[in-house]
Amino acid sequence: IEGVPVYEVKLTITSETSKIKSGMTANIDIITDEKKEVLAVPSRAVEDGKVKILKTNGMIEIRPVETGLKSSDAKIEILDGVSENEEVITYMEESDE
C-alpha cells in the first residue's frame, strides 16, 4: 500500500478471551529478535558504516562502526566503534567553504 509492502498473516489465539471477535482486524508488531541494554544511536547517524564523533576539543572524528540490530523506532545497535557517553553527530549542514 503506497509503496510499503503489506503481508496478510493469520495468527492463532491460544487462550480463550471474549475481547476478540470474529472478523476483527489488528496491527501487530512481530518481534524477530530482542536485546536489552545495548548501545544504540539514531540510524541516520550511521553512513556507509561510519559515524561522526564530536570530540571534547570540538573537532570531528569520522570513525568506522560495527552495527547490529535495527529497531522499528529508527535506532541501530552499535557493537564496536563507539563508547558510551561519546557524542555522535546525527546531522550536519553541508558547507560550501
PDB file of N, CA and C in Angstrom:
ATOM      1  N   ILE A   1       0.858  -1.173   0.000  1.00  0.00           N
ATOM      2  CA  ILE A   1       0.000   0.000   0.000  1.00  0.00           C
ATOM      3  C   ILE A   1       0.897   1.225   0.000  1.00  0.00           C
ATOM      4  N   GLU A   2       0.732   2.102  -0.981  1.00  0.00           N
ATOM      5  CA  GLU A   2       1.524   3.321  -1.114  1.00  0.00           C
ATOM      6  C   GLU A   2       3.024   3.040  -1.064  1.00  0.00           C
ATOM      7  N   GLY A   3       3.459   1.987  -1.736  1.00  0.00           N
ATOM      8  CA  GLY A   3       4.879   1.666  -1.806  1.00  0.00           C
ATOM      9  C   GLY A   3       5.427   0.892  -0.622  1.00  0.00           C
ATOM     10  N   VAL A   4       4.597   0.579   0.365  1.00  0.00           N
ATOM     11  CA  VAL A   4       5.030  -0.170   1.543  1.00  0.00           C
ATOM     12  C   VAL A   4       4.495  -1.589   1.434  1.00  0.00           C
ATOM     13  N   PRO A   5       5.377  -2.598   1.570  1.00  0.00           N
ATOM     14  CA  PRO A   5       4.891  -3.977   1.489  1.00  0.00           C
ATOM     15  C   PRO A   5       3.921  -4.291   2.627  1.00  0.00           C
ATOM     16  N   VAL A   6       2.846  -4.958   2.314  1.00  0.00           N
ATOM     17  CA  VAL A   6       1.855  -5.384   3.293  1.00  0.00           C
ATOM     18  C   VAL A   6       1.675  -6.882   3.139  1.00  0.00           C
ATOM     19  N   TYR A   7       1.680  -7.588   4.248  1.00  0.00           N
ATOM     20  CA  TYR A   7       1.557  -9.046   4.227  1.00  0.00           C
ATOM     21  C   TYR A   7       0.346  -9.466   5.039  1.00  0.00           C
ATOM     22  N   GLU A   8      -0.420 -10.371   4.504  1.00  0.00           N
ATOM     23  CA  GLU A   8      -1.530 -10.929   5.258  1.00  0.00           C
ATOM     24  C   GLU A   8      -0.989 -12.084   6.080  1.00  0.00           C
ATOM     25  N   VAL A   9      -1.274 -12.054   7.360  1.00  0.00           N
ATOM     26  CA  VAL A   9      -0.778 -13.073   8.285  1.00  0.00           C
ATOM     27  C   VAL A   9      -1.952 -13.597   9.087  1.00  0.00           C
ATOM     28  N   LYS A  10      -1.980 -14.902   9.302  1.00  0.00           N
ATOM     29  CA  LYS A  10      -3.011 -15.494  10.151  1.00  0.00           C
ATOM     30  C   LYS A  10      -2.371 -15.907  11.465  1.00  0.00           C
ATOM     31  N   LEU A  11      -2.967 -15.423  12.563  1.00  0.00           N
ATOM     32  CA  LEU A  11      -2.487 -15.756  13.897  1.00  0.00           C
ATOM     33  C   LEU A  11      -3.521 -16.611  14.604  1.00  0.00           C
ATOM     34  N   THR A  12      -3.057 -17.432  15.511  1.00  0.00           N
ATOM     35  CA  THR A  12      -3.948 -18.260  16.305  1.00  0.00           C
ATOM     36  C   THR A  12      -3.888 -17.801  17.751  1.00  0.00           C
ATOM     37  N   ILE A  13      -5.037 -17.512  18.330  1.00  0.00           N
ATOM     38  CA  ILE A  13      -5.124 -17.127  19.737  1.00  0.00           C
ATOM     39  C   ILE A  13      -5.142 -18.424  20.543  1.00  0.00           C
ATOM     40  N   THR A  14      -4.197 -18.555  21.469  1.00  0.00           N
ATOM     41  CA  THR A  14      -4.048 -19.830  22.194  1.00  0.00           C
ATOM     42  C   THR A  14      -4.826 -19.884  23.501  1.00  0.00           C
ATOM     43  N   SER A  15      -5.374 -18.766  23.951  1.00  0.00           N
ATOM     44  CA  SER A  15      -6.199 -18.799  25.158  1.00  0.00           C
ATOM     45  C   SER A  15      -7.529 -18.115  24.863  1.00  0.00           C
ATOM     46  N   GLU A  16      -8.574 -18.566  25.544  1.00  0.00           N
ATOM     47  CA  GLU A  16      -9.911 -18.026  25.291  1.00  0.00           C
ATOM     48  C   GLU A  16     -10.052 -16.627  25.867  1.00  0.00           C
ATOM     49  N   THR A  17     -10.702 -15.764  25.093  1.00  0.00           N
ATOM     50  CA  THR A  17     -10.986 -14.405  25.546  1.00  0.00           C
ATOM     51  C   THR A  17     -12.255 -13.922  24.866  1.00  0.00           C
ATOM     52  N   SER A  18     -13.015 -13.105  25.570  1.00  0.00           N
ATOM     53  CA  SER A  18     -14.245 -12.547  24.995  1.00  0.00           C
ATOM     54  C   SER A  18     -13.977 -11.202  24.325  1.00  0.00           C
ATOM     55  N   LYS A  19     -12.729 -10.706  24.406  1.00  0.00           N
ATOM     56  CA  LYS A  19     -12.386  -9.405  23.848  1.00  0.00           C
ATOM     57  C   LYS A  19     -12.146  -9.448  22.346  1.00  0.00           C
ATOM     58  N   ILE A  20     -11.897 -10.615  21.795  1.00  0.00           N
ATOM     59  CA  ILE A  20     -11.604 -10.740  20.370  1.00  0.00           C
ATOM     60  C   ILE A  20     -12.806 -11.386  19.689  1.00  0.00           C
ATOM     61  N   LYS A  21     -13.292 -10.703  18.660  1.00  0.00           N
ATOM     62  CA  LYS A  21     -14.471 -11.184  17.926  1.00  0.00           C
ATOM     63  C   LYS A  21     -14.073 -11.569  16.511  1.00  0.00           C
ATOM     64  N   SER A  22     -14.816 -12.470  15.927  1.00  0.00           N
ATOM     65  CA  SER A  22     -14.588 -12.896  14.559  1.00  0.00           C
ATOM     66  C   SER A  22     -14.695 -11.699  13.613  1.00  0.00           C
ATOM     67  N   GLY A  23     -13.749 -11.589  12.668  1.00  0.00           N
ATOM     68  CA  GLY A  23     -13.773 -10.524  11.683  1.00  0.00           C
ATOM     69  C   GLY A  23     -13.020  -9.268  12.086  1.00  0.00           C
ATOM     70  N   MET A  24     -12.516  -9.216  13.306  1.00  0.00           N
ATOM     71  CA  MET A  24     -11.760  -8.050  13.745  1.00  0.00           C
ATOM     72  C   MET A  24     -10.416  -7.999  13.018  1.00  0.00           C
ATOM     73  N   THR A  25      -9.883  -6.791  12.854  1.00  0.00           N
ATOM     74  CA  THR A  25      -8.542  -6.629  12.290  1.00  0.00           C
ATOM     75  C   THR A  25      -7.651  -5.998  13.357  1.00  0.00           C
ATOM     76  N   ALA A  26      -6.351  -6.120  13.148  1.00  0.00           N
ATOM     77  CA  ALA A  26      -5.416  -5.575  14.132  1.00  0.00           C
ATOM     78  C   ALA A  26      -4.096  -5.241  13.461  1.00  0.00           C
ATOM     79  N   ASN A  27      -3.379  -4.310  14.041  1.00  0.00           N
ATOM     80  CA  ASN A  27      -1.988  -4.041  13.679  1.00  0.00           C
ATOM     81  C   ASN A  27      -1.136  -4.738  14.726  1.00  0.00           C
ATOM     82  N   ILE A  28      -0.219  -5.577  14.270  1.00  0.00           N
ATOM     83  CA  ILE A  28       0.573  -6.390  15.191  1.00  0.00           C
ATOM     84  C   ILE A  28       2.052  -6.181  14.901  1.00  0.00           C
ATOM     85  N   ASP A  29       2.830  -5.990  15.952  1.00  0.00           N
ATOM     86  CA  ASP A  29       4.285  -5.939  15.829  1.00  0.00           C
ATOM     87  C   ASP A  29       4.816  -7.348  16.056  1.00  0.00           C
ATOM     88  N   ILE A  30       5.569  -7.844  15.097  1.00  0.00           N
ATOM     89  CA  ILE A  30       6.172  -9.168  15.225  1.00  0.00           C
ATOM     90  C   ILE A  30       7.631  -8.964  15.575  1.00  0.00           C
ATOM     91  N   ILE A  31       8.013  -9.366  16.767  1.00  0.00           N
ATOM     92  CA  ILE A  31       9.379  -9.193  17.249  1.00  0.00           C
ATOM     93  C   ILE A  31      10.192 -10.398  16.794  1.00  0.00           C
ATOM     94  N   THR A  32      11.225 -10.135  16.002  1.00  0.00           N
ATOM     95  CA  THR A  32      12.052 -11.229  15.478  1.00  0.00           C
ATOM     96  C   THR A  32      13.314 -11.436  16.299  1.00  0.00           C
ATOM     97  N   ASP A  33      13.724 -10.425  17.056  1.00  0.00           N
ATOM     98  CA  ASP A  33      14.892 -10.530  17.923  1.00  0.00           C
ATOM     99  C   ASP A  33      14.818  -9.384  18.920  1.00  0.00           C
ATOM    100  N   GLU A  34      15.464  -9.555  20.056  1.00  0.00           N
ATOM    101  CA  GLU A  34      15.392  -8.528  21.078  1.00  0.00           C
ATOM    102  C   GLU A  34      16.647  -8.584  21.934  1.00  0.00           C
ATOM    103  N   LYS A  35      17.181  -7.401  22.242  1.00  0.00           N
ATOM    104  CA  LYS A  35      18.329  -7.292  23.137  1.00  0.00           C
ATOM    105  C   LYS A  35      18.048  -6.165  24.118  1.00  0.00           C
ATOM    106  N   LYS A  36      18.516  -6.321  25.314  1.00  0.00           N
ATOM    107  CA  LYS A  36      18.352  -5.295  26.353  1.00  0.00           C
ATOM    108  C   LYS A  36      19.695  -4.633  26.633  1.00  0.00           C
ATOM    109  N   GLU A  37      19.641  -3.371  27.049  1.00  0.00           N
ATOM    110  CA  GLU A  37      20.805  -2.612  27.489  1.00  0.00           C
ATOM    111  C   GLU A  37      21.951  -2.644  26.479  1.00  0.00           C
ATOM    112  N   VAL A  38      21.648  -2.221  25.262  1.00  0.00           N
ATOM    113  CA  VAL A  38      22.667  -2.136  24.211  1.00  0.00           C
ATOM    114  C   VAL A  38      22.958  -0.672  23.920  1.00  0.00           C
ATOM    115  N   LEU A  39      24.096  -0.424  23.329  1.00  0.00           N
ATOM    116  CA  LEU A  39      24.442   0.916  22.869  1.00  0.00           C
ATOM    117  C   LEU A  39      23.812   1.101  21.494  1.00  0.00           C
ATOM    118  N   ALA A  40      22.980   2.131  21.349  1.00  0.00           N
ATOM    119  CA  ALA A  40      22.293   2.371  20.080  1.00  0.00           C
ATOM    120  C   ALA A  40      22.325   3.859  19.765  1.00  0.00           C
ATOM    121  N   VAL A  41      22.327   4.157  18.481  1.00  0.00           N
ATOM    122  CA  VAL A  41      22.298   5.542  18.006  1.00  0.00           C
ATOM    123  C   VAL A  41      21.201   5.649  16.956  1.00  0.00           C
ATOM    124  N   PRO A  42      20.750   6.866  16.658  1.00  0.00           N
ATOM    125  CA  PRO A  42      19.794   7.018  15.562  1.00  0.00           C
ATOM    126  C   PRO A  42      20.399   6.483  14.254  1.00  0.00           C
ATOM    127  N   SER A  43      19.612   5.760  13.480  1.00  0.00           N
ATOM    128  CA  SER A  43      20.094   5.162  12.226  1.00  0.00           C
ATOM    129  C   SER A  43      20.683   6.199  11.288  1.00  0.00           C
ATOM    130  N   ARG A  44      20.141   7.405  11.285  1.00  0.00           N
ATOM    131  CA  ARG A  44      20.635   8.450  10.378  1.00  0.00           C
ATOM    132  C   ARG A  44      22.058   8.886  10.715  1.00  0.00           C
ATOM    133  N   ALA A  45      22.565   8.531  11.915  1.00  0.00           N
ATOM    134  CA  ALA A  45      23.932   8.890  12.302  1.00  0.00           C
ATOM    135  C   ALA A  45      24.961   7.990  11.627  1.00  0.00           C
ATOM    136  N   VAL A  46      24.533   6.836  11.118  1.00  0.00           N
ATOM    137  CA  VAL A  46      25.461   5.879  10.508  1.00  0.00           C
ATOM    138  C   VAL A  46      25.355   5.998   8.990  1.00  0.00           C
ATOM    139  N   GLU A  47      26.473   6.362   8.351  1.00  0.00           N
ATOM    140  CA  GLU A  47      26.524   6.474   6.896  1.00  0.00           C
ATOM    141  C   GLU A  47      27.682   5.636   6.386  1.00  0.00           C
ATOM    142  N   ASP A  48      27.398   4.692   5.518  1.00  0.00           N
ATOM    143  CA  ASP A  48      28.430   3.827   4.931  1.00  0.00           C
ATOM    144  C   ASP A  48      29.290   3.167   6.001  1.00  0.00           C
ATOM    145  N   GLY A  49      28.665   2.735   7.100  1.00  0.00           N
ATOM    146  CA  GLY A  49      29.388   2.045   8.162  1.00  0.00           C
ATOM    147  C   GLY A  49      30.268   2.942   9.007  1.00  0.00           C
ATOM    148  N   LYS A  50      30.010   4.247   8.980  1.00  0.00           N
ATOM    149  CA  LYS A  50      30.824   5.193   9.747  1.00  0.00           C
ATOM    150  C   LYS A  50      29.920   6.183  10.482  1.00  0.00           C
ATOM    151  N   VAL A  51      30.442   6.697  11.600  1.00  0.00           N
ATOM    152  CA  VAL A  51      29.751   7.754  12.338  1.00  0.00           C
ATOM    153  C   VAL A  51      30.707   8.922  12.538  1.00  0.00           C
ATOM    154  N   LYS A  52      30.130  10.083  12.806  1.00  0.00           N
ATOM    155  CA  LYS A  52      30.920  11.272  13.131  1.00  0.00           C
ATOM    156  C   LYS A  52      30.811  11.480  14.636  1.00  0.00           C
ATOM    157  N   ILE A  53      31.985  11.561  15.292  1.00  0.00           N
ATOM    158  CA  ILE A  53      32.054  11.748  16.733  1.00  0.00           C
ATOM    159  C   ILE A  53      32.519  13.174  17.008  1.00  0.00           C
ATOM    160  N   LEU A  54      31.817  13.878  17.902  1.00  0.00           N
ATOM    161  CA  LEU A  54      32.236  15.201  18.321  1.00  0.00           C
ATOM    162  C   LEU A  54      33.190  15.036  19.495  1.00  0.00           C
ATOM    163  N   LYS A  55      34.453  15.363  19.282  1.00  0.00           N
ATOM    164  CA  LYS A  55      35.487  15.227  20.311  1.00  0.00           C
ATOM    165  C   LYS A  55      35.366  16.368  21.322  1.00  0.00           C
ATOM    166  N   THR A  56      35.968  16.195  22.498  1.00  0.00           N
ATOM    167  CA  THR A  56      35.886  17.214  23.549  1.00  0.00           C
ATOM    168  C   THR A  56      36.555  18.517  23.142  1.00  0.00           C
ATOM    169  N   ASN A  57      37.499  18.469  22.189  1.00  0.00           N
ATOM    170  CA  ASN A  57      38.168  19.688  21.723  1.00  0.00           C
ATOM    171  C   ASN A  57      37.396  20.386  20.598  1.00  0.00           C
ATOM    172  N   GLY A  58      36.194  19.873  20.266  1.00  0.00           N
ATOM    173  CA  GLY A  58      35.365  20.478  19.228  1.00  0.00           C
ATOM    174  C   GLY A  58      35.615  19.943  17.839  1.00  0.00           C
ATOM    175  N   MET A  59      36.639  19.117  17.673  1.00  0.00           N
ATOM    176  CA  MET A  59      36.942  18.527  16.369  1.00  0.00           C
ATOM    177  C   MET A  59      35.995  17.346  16.114  1.00  0.00           C
ATOM    178  N   ILE A  60      35.874  16.985  14.843  1.00  0.00           N
ATOM    179  CA  ILE A  60      35.018  15.869  14.449  1.00  0.00           C
ATOM    180  C   ILE A  60      35.899  14.719  13.963  1.00  0.00           C
ATOM    181  N   GLU A  61      35.616  13.538  14.468  1.00  0.00           N
ATOM    182  CA  GLU A  61      36.336  12.334  14.050  1.00  0.00           C
ATOM    183  C   GLU A  61      35.359  11.419  13.312  1.00  0.00           C
ATOM    184  N   ILE A  62      35.738  10.984  12.114  1.00  0.00           N
ATOM    185  CA  ILE A  62      34.923  10.012  11.381  1.00  0.00           C
ATOM    186  C   ILE A  62      35.478   8.639  11.719  1.00  0.00           C
ATOM    187  N   ARG A  63      34.594   7.775  12.221  1.00  0.00           N
ATOM    188  CA  ARG A  63      35.044   6.503  12.751  1.00  0.00           C
ATOM    189  C   ARG A  63      34.194   5.347  12.211  1.00  0.00           C
ATOM    190  N   PRO A  64      34.830   4.245  11.789  1.00  0.00           N
ATOM    191  CA  PRO A  64      34.050   3.076  11.362  1.00  0.00           C
ATOM    192  C   PRO A  64      33.388   2.404  12.568  1.00  0.00           C
ATOM    193  N   VAL A  65      32.209   1.860  12.339  1.00  0.00           N
ATOM    194  CA  VAL A  65      31.488   1.156  13.401  1.00  0.00           C
ATOM    195  C   VAL A  65      30.988  -0.189  12.897  1.00  0.00           C
ATOM    196  N   GLU A  66      30.814  -1.092  13.835  1.00  0.00           N
ATOM    197  CA  GLU A  66      30.170  -2.371  13.545  1.00  0.00           C
ATOM    198  C   GLU A  66      28.767  -2.294  14.129  1.00  0.00           C
ATOM    199  N   THR A  67      27.772  -2.553  13.305  1.00  0.00           N
ATOM    200  CA  THR A  67      26.386  -2.413  13.740  1.00  0.00           C
ATOM    201  C   THR A  67      25.726  -3.770  13.929  1.00  0.00           C
ATOM    202  N   GLY A  68      24.633  -3.749  14.678  1.00  0.00           N
ATOM    203  CA  GLY A  68      23.867  -4.964  14.955  1.00  0.00           C
ATOM    204  C   GLY A  68      22.422  -4.795  14.541  1.00  0.00           C
ATOM    205  N   LEU A  69      21.539  -5.029  15.478  1.00  0.00           N
ATOM    206  CA  LEU A  69      20.099  -4.979  15.208  1.00  0.00           C
ATOM    207  C   LEU A  69      19.632  -3.567  14.894  1.00  0.00           C
ATOM    208  N   LYS A  70      18.609  -3.484  14.051  1.00  0.00           N
ATOM    209  CA  LYS A  70      17.935  -2.217  13.764  1.00  0.00           C
ATOM    210  C   LYS A  70      16.561  -2.288  14.411  1.00  0.00           C
ATOM    211  N   SER A  71      16.145  -1.181  15.013  1.00  0.00           N
ATOM    212  CA  SER A  71      14.845  -1.157  15.675  1.00  0.00           C
ATOM    213  C   SER A  71      13.788  -0.529  14.782  1.00  0.00           C
ATOM    214  N   SER A  72      12.546  -0.690  15.181  1.00  0.00           N
ATOM    215  CA  SER A  72      11.450  -0.092  14.416  1.00  0.00           C
ATOM    216  C   SER A  72      11.317   1.399  14.720  1.00  0.00           C
ATOM    217  N   ASP A  73      12.038   1.893  15.722  1.00  0.00           N
ATOM    218  CA  ASP A  73      11.979   3.321  16.039  1.00  0.00           C
ATOM    219  C   ASP A  73      13.230   4.061  15.567  1.00  0.00           C
ATOM    220  N   ALA A  74      13.813   3.589  14.456  1.00  0.00           N
ATOM    221  CA  ALA A  74      14.914   4.265  13.746  1.00  0.00           C
ATOM    222  C   ALA A  74      16.206   4.354  14.548  1.00  0.00           C
ATOM    223  N   LYS A  75      16.502   3.320  15.322  1.00  0.00           N
ATOM    224  CA  LYS A  75      17.782   3.243  16.017  1.00  0.00           C
ATOM    225  C   LYS A  75      18.523   2.009  15.532  1.00  0.00           C
ATOM    226  N   ILE A  76      19.854   2.036  15.687  1.00  0.00           N
ATOM    227  CA  ILE A  76      20.676   0.909  15.276  1.00  0.00           C
ATOM    228  C   ILE A  76      21.682   0.609  16.388  1.00  0.00           C
ATOM    229  N   GLU A  77      21.849  -0.671  16.654  1.00  0.00           N
ATOM    230  CA  GLU A  77      22.765  -1.122  17.691  1.00  0.00           C
ATOM    231  C   GLU A  77      24.211  -0.928  17.227  1.00  0.00           C
ATOM    232  N   ILE A  78      25.054  -0.441  18.123  1.00  0.00           N
ATOM    233  CA  ILE A  78      26.479  -0.295  17.850  1.00  0.00           C
ATOM    234  C   ILE A  78      27.223  -1.372  18.627  1.00  0.00           C
ATOM    235  N   LEU A  79      27.853  -2.292  17.902  1.00  0.00           N
ATOM    236  CA  LEU A  79      28.606  -3.374  18.529  1.00  0.00           C
ATOM    237  C   LEU A  79      30.041  -2.958  18.840  1.00  0.00           C
ATOM    238  N   ASP A  80      30.621  -2.123  17.974  1.00  0.00           N
ATOM    239  CA  ASP A  80      32.006  -1.708  18.153  1.00  0.00           C
ATOM    240  C   ASP A  80      32.245  -0.390  17.428  1.00  0.00           C
ATOM    241  N   GLY A  81      33.087   0.450  18.001  1.00  0.00           N
ATOM    242  CA  GLY A  81      33.473   1.690  17.338  1.00  0.00           C
ATOM    243  C   GLY A  81      33.053   2.941  18.066  1.00  0.00           C
ATOM    244  N   VAL A  82      32.075   2.849  18.974  1.00  0.00           N
ATOM    245  CA  VAL A  82      31.612   3.989  19.760  1.00  0.00           C
ATOM    246  C   VAL A  82      31.461   3.511  21.199  1.00  0.00           C
ATOM    247  N   SER A  83      31.869   4.370  22.121  1.00  0.00           N
ATOM    248  CA  SER A  83      31.729   4.060  23.540  1.00  0.00           C
ATOM    249  C   SER A  83      30.590   4.864  24.139  1.00  0.00           C
ATOM    250  N   GLU A  84      30.070   4.393  25.241  1.00  0.00           N
ATOM    251  CA  GLU A  84      29.026   5.103  25.958  1.00  0.00           C
ATOM    252  C   GLU A  84      29.539   6.485  26.338  1.00  0.00           C
ATOM    253  N   ASN A  85      28.686   7.470  26.282  1.00  0.00           N
ATOM    254  CA  ASN A  85      28.957   8.873  26.612  1.00  0.00           C
ATOM    255  C   ASN A  85      29.709   9.644  25.526  1.00  0.00           C
ATOM    256  N   GLU A  86      30.073   9.018  24.415  1.00  0.00           N
ATOM    257  CA  GLU A  86      30.637   9.781  23.303  1.00  0.00           C
ATOM    258  C   GLU A  86      29.483  10.459  22.568  1.00  0.00           C
ATOM    259  N   GLU A  87      29.745  11.634  22.023  1.00  0.00           N
ATOM    260  CA  GLU A  87      28.708  12.377  21.303  1.00  0.00           C
ATOM    261  C   GLU A  87      28.767  12.051  19.825  1.00  0.00           C
ATOM    262  N   VAL A  88      27.686  11.467  19.328  1.00  0.00           N
ATOM    263  CA  VAL A  88      27.573  11.096  17.919  1.00  0.00           C
ATOM    264  C   VAL A  88      26.755  12.167  17.212  1.00  0.00           C
ATOM    265  N   ILE A  89      27.267  12.633  16.092  1.00  0.00           N
ATOM    266  CA  ILE A  89      26.568  13.654  15.310  1.00  0.00           C
ATOM    267  C   ILE A  89      25.536  12.968  14.423  1.00  0.00           C
ATOM    268  N   THR A  90      24.299  13.417  14.512  1.00  0.00           N
ATOM    269  CA  THR A  90      23.243  12.810  13.708  1.00  0.00           C
ATOM    270  C   THR A  90      22.937  13.616  12.452  1.00  0.00           C
ATOM    271  N   TYR A  91      23.297  14.910  12.457  1.00  0.00           N
ATOM    272  CA  TYR A  91      23.018  15.743  11.283  1.00  0.00           C
ATOM    273  C   TYR A  91      24.005  16.906  11.267  1.00  0.00           C
ATOM    274  N   MET A  92      24.519  17.203  10.080  1.00  0.00           N
ATOM    275  CA  MET A  92      25.369  18.373   9.877  1.00  0.00           C
ATOM    276  C   MET A  92      24.993  19.010   8.554  1.00  0.00           C
ATOM    277  N   GLU A  93      24.853  20.315   8.551  1.00  0.00           N
ATOM    278  CA  GLU A  93      24.618  21.011   7.291  1.00  0.00           C
ATOM    279  C   GLU A  93      25.918  21.050   6.507  1.00  0.00           C
ATOM    280  N   GLU A  94      25.816  20.805   5.235  1.00  0.00           N
ATOM    281  CA  GLU A  94      26.998  20.868   4.365  1.00  0.00           C
ATOM    282  C   GLU A  94      27.364  22.321   4.134  1.00  0.00           C
ATOM    283  N   SER A  95      28.645  22.596   4.140  1.00  0.00           N
ATOM    284  CA  SER A  95      29.134  23.951   3.939  1.00  0.00           C
ATOM    285  C   SER A  95      29.865  24.038   2.591  1.00  0.00           C
ATOM    286  N   ASP A  96      29.727  25.162   1.901  1.00  0.00           N
ATOM    287  CA  ASP A  96      30.427  25.361   0.620  1.00  0.00           C
ATOM    288  C   ASP A  96      31.844  25.864   0.831  1.00  0.00           C
ATOM    289  N   GLU A  97      32.215  26.103   2.083  1.00  0.00           N
ATOM    290  CA  GLU A  97      33.548  26.652   2.373  1.00  0.00           C
ATOM    291  C   GLU A  97      34.609  25.598   2.294  1.00  0.00           C
TER     292      GLU A  97
END
